[in-house]
Amino acid sequence: MHRLFLLRAYGDFVILLQALLESPQKNKYSLIASKHLQPLYQELALVINLSSIQIQFIDFGITNTQLSLFTNKHILSLNTLNELKQIKKFMARQKGQETFERFVENLVKEADVEKKADIVSADNS
């Protein structure tokens, strides 16, 4: 079973849900979503059957629209450290799962790829 952490903005969350609904392999994924996404999920569930998706909402202390690590505006804030601390605590309770260090390494790689994509799109404008 693959675990996916959903810590990004609302649009990304909706896109992932739609992709999973259409995937024949949706049962191979377990979603760990930030609690800030739960109200959106509940509203979507009123009009879309989401029962085939395995999702767990965890309060990681995300108070903006996404994990502060993903934004230039909040990347060096105390809130970013608190959010990462909550994620680390959650991961420490999960036996035999991905380590927090590996998780952060993947976040940094993702952020780096996105920044490079932003630079390329700005150059092409």
Protein backbone atom coordinates (compact mmCIF):
# COMPACT_ATOMS: atom_id res chain seq x y z
CA MET A 1 0.00 0.00 0.00
CA HIS A 2 1.34 3.42 -0.98
CA ARG A 3 0.78 6.35 1.35
CA LEU A 4 0.27 9.78 -0.13
CA PHE A 5 0.54 12.87 2.03
CA LEU A 6 -1.82 15.64 0.94
CA LEU A 7 -0.46 18.88 2.32
CA ARG A 8 -0.85 21.20 -0.63
CA ALA A 9 -3.53 23.59 -1.80
CA TYR A 10 -7.20 22.85 -2.42
CA GLY A 11 -6.91 22.58 -6.21
CA ASP A 12 -4.17 19.96 -5.96
CA PHE A 13 -6.34 18.01 -3.53
CA VAL A 14 -9.35 18.00 -5.87
CA ILE A 15 -7.20 16.97 -8.85
CA LEU A 16 -5.74 14.04 -6.90
CA LEU A 17 -9.17 12.88 -5.74
CA GLN A 18 -10.48 12.95 -9.31
CA ALA A 19 -7.43 11.05 -10.59
CA LEU A 20 -7.87 8.38 -7.92
CA LEU A 21 -11.58 8.02 -8.63
CA GLU A 22 -10.75 7.24 -12.25
CA SER A 23 -7.83 4.95 -11.43
CA PRO A 24 -8.30 1.18 -11.44
CA GLN A 25 -5.52 1.03 -8.83
CA LYS A 26 -7.10 3.35 -6.26
CA ASN A 27 -7.13 0.54 -3.68
CA LYS A 28 -3.33 0.58 -3.65
CA TYR A 29 -3.26 4.06 -2.10
CA SER A 30 -3.90 5.32 1.39
CA LEU A 31 -4.25 9.08 1.73
CA ILE A 32 -3.01 11.04 4.73
CA ALA A 33 -4.54 14.49 4.36
CA SER A 34 -4.11 17.64 6.36
CA LYS A 35 -7.15 18.48 8.48
CA HIS A 36 -7.49 21.82 6.67
CA LEU A 37 -8.68 19.85 3.59
CA GLN A 38 -11.45 17.98 5.43
CA PRO A 39 -14.25 20.58 4.97
CA LEU A 40 -13.65 20.54 1.20
CA TYR A 41 -13.70 16.73 1.18
CA GLN A 42 -16.98 16.70 3.12
CA GLU A 43 -18.61 19.10 0.67
CA LEU A 44 -17.36 17.12 -2.33
CA ALA A 45 -18.71 13.92 -0.76
CA LEU A 46 -22.21 15.42 -0.90
CA VAL A 47 -22.12 15.38 -4.72
CA ILE A 48 -19.45 12.77 -5.57
CA ASN A 49 -19.19 9.21 -4.28
CA LEU A 50 -15.79 9.17 -2.56
CA SER A 51 -16.37 5.96 -0.59
CA SER A 52 -13.76 4.05 -2.64
CA ILE A 53 -10.98 6.36 -1.47
CA GLN A 54 -9.07 5.50 1.73
CA ILE A 55 -8.38 8.79 3.47
CA GLN A 56 -7.38 9.85 6.97
CA PHE A 57 -7.38 13.50 8.09
CA ILE A 58 -4.65 14.54 10.53
CA ASP A 59 -4.18 17.93 12.17
CA PHE A 60 -0.67 18.97 11.22
CA GLY A 61 -1.32 22.56 12.29
CA ILE A 62 -1.55 23.87 8.73
CA THR A 63 -3.30 27.22 9.01
CA ASN A 64 -2.65 28.58 5.53
CA THR A 65 -4.00 26.95 2.38
CA GLN A 66 -1.04 24.56 2.23
CA LEU A 67 2.08 23.44 4.09
CA SER A 68 4.09 26.63 4.64
CA LEU A 69 7.22 24.90 3.38
CA PHE A 70 5.73 25.15 -0.12
CA THR A 71 5.49 28.94 -0.08
CA ASN A 72 8.22 31.54 -0.38
CA LYS A 73 6.20 33.87 1.86
CA HIS A 74 6.13 31.51 4.87
CA ILE A 75 9.08 29.14 4.31
CA LEU A 76 11.21 30.59 7.11
CA SER A 77 8.42 31.10 9.63
CA LEU A 78 7.89 29.56 13.04
CA ASN A 79 4.63 28.14 11.70
CA THR A 80 6.59 26.11 9.11
CA LEU A 81 8.67 24.55 11.87
CA ASN A 82 5.55 23.73 13.89
CA GLU A 83 3.89 22.09 10.89
CA LEU A 84 6.98 19.97 10.19
CA LYS A 85 7.18 19.02 13.88
CA GLN A 86 3.57 17.76 13.77
CA ILE A 87 4.32 15.71 10.65
CA LYS A 88 7.43 14.27 12.29
CA LYS A 89 5.40 13.24 15.38
CA PHE A 90 2.81 11.55 13.19
CA MET A 91 5.44 9.67 11.22
CA ALA A 92 7.24 8.57 14.39
CA ARG A 93 4.01 6.85 15.50
CA GLN A 94 3.82 4.93 12.21
CA LYS A 95 5.91 1.79 12.58
CA GLY A 96 7.76 0.47 9.55
CA GLN A 97 6.80 3.44 7.38
CA GLU A 98 8.76 6.11 5.58
CA THR A 99 11.16 8.08 7.79
CA PHE A 100 10.66 11.78 8.39
CA GLU A 101 14.07 12.53 6.89
CA ARG A 102 13.12 10.75 3.66
CA PHE A 103 9.79 12.60 3.67
CA VAL A 104 11.49 16.01 3.96
CA GLU A 105 14.02 15.02 1.29
CA ASN A 106 11.14 14.28 -1.09
CA LEU A 107 9.46 17.60 -0.22
CA VAL A 108 12.66 19.50 -1.01
CA LYS A 109 13.03 17.69 -4.34
CA GLU A 110 9.42 18.50 -5.23
CA ALA A 111 9.83 22.16 -4.29
CA ASP A 112 13.04 22.37 -6.34
CA VAL A 113 11.35 20.91 -9.42
CA GLU A 114 8.47 23.37 -9.08
CA LYS A 115 10.79 26.36 -8.72
CA LYS A 116 12.70 25.28 -11.85
CA ALA A 117 9.40 24.91 -13.72
CA ASP A 118 8.39 28.42 -12.61
CA ILE A 119 11.70 29.81 -13.87
CA VAL A 120 11.30 28.08 -17.24
CA SER A 121 7.72 29.31 -17.65
CA ALA A 122 8.81 32.87 -16.74
CA ASP A 123 11.60 32.69 -19.33
CA ASN A 124 9.14 31.58 -21.99
CA SER A 125 6.73 34.46 -21.29
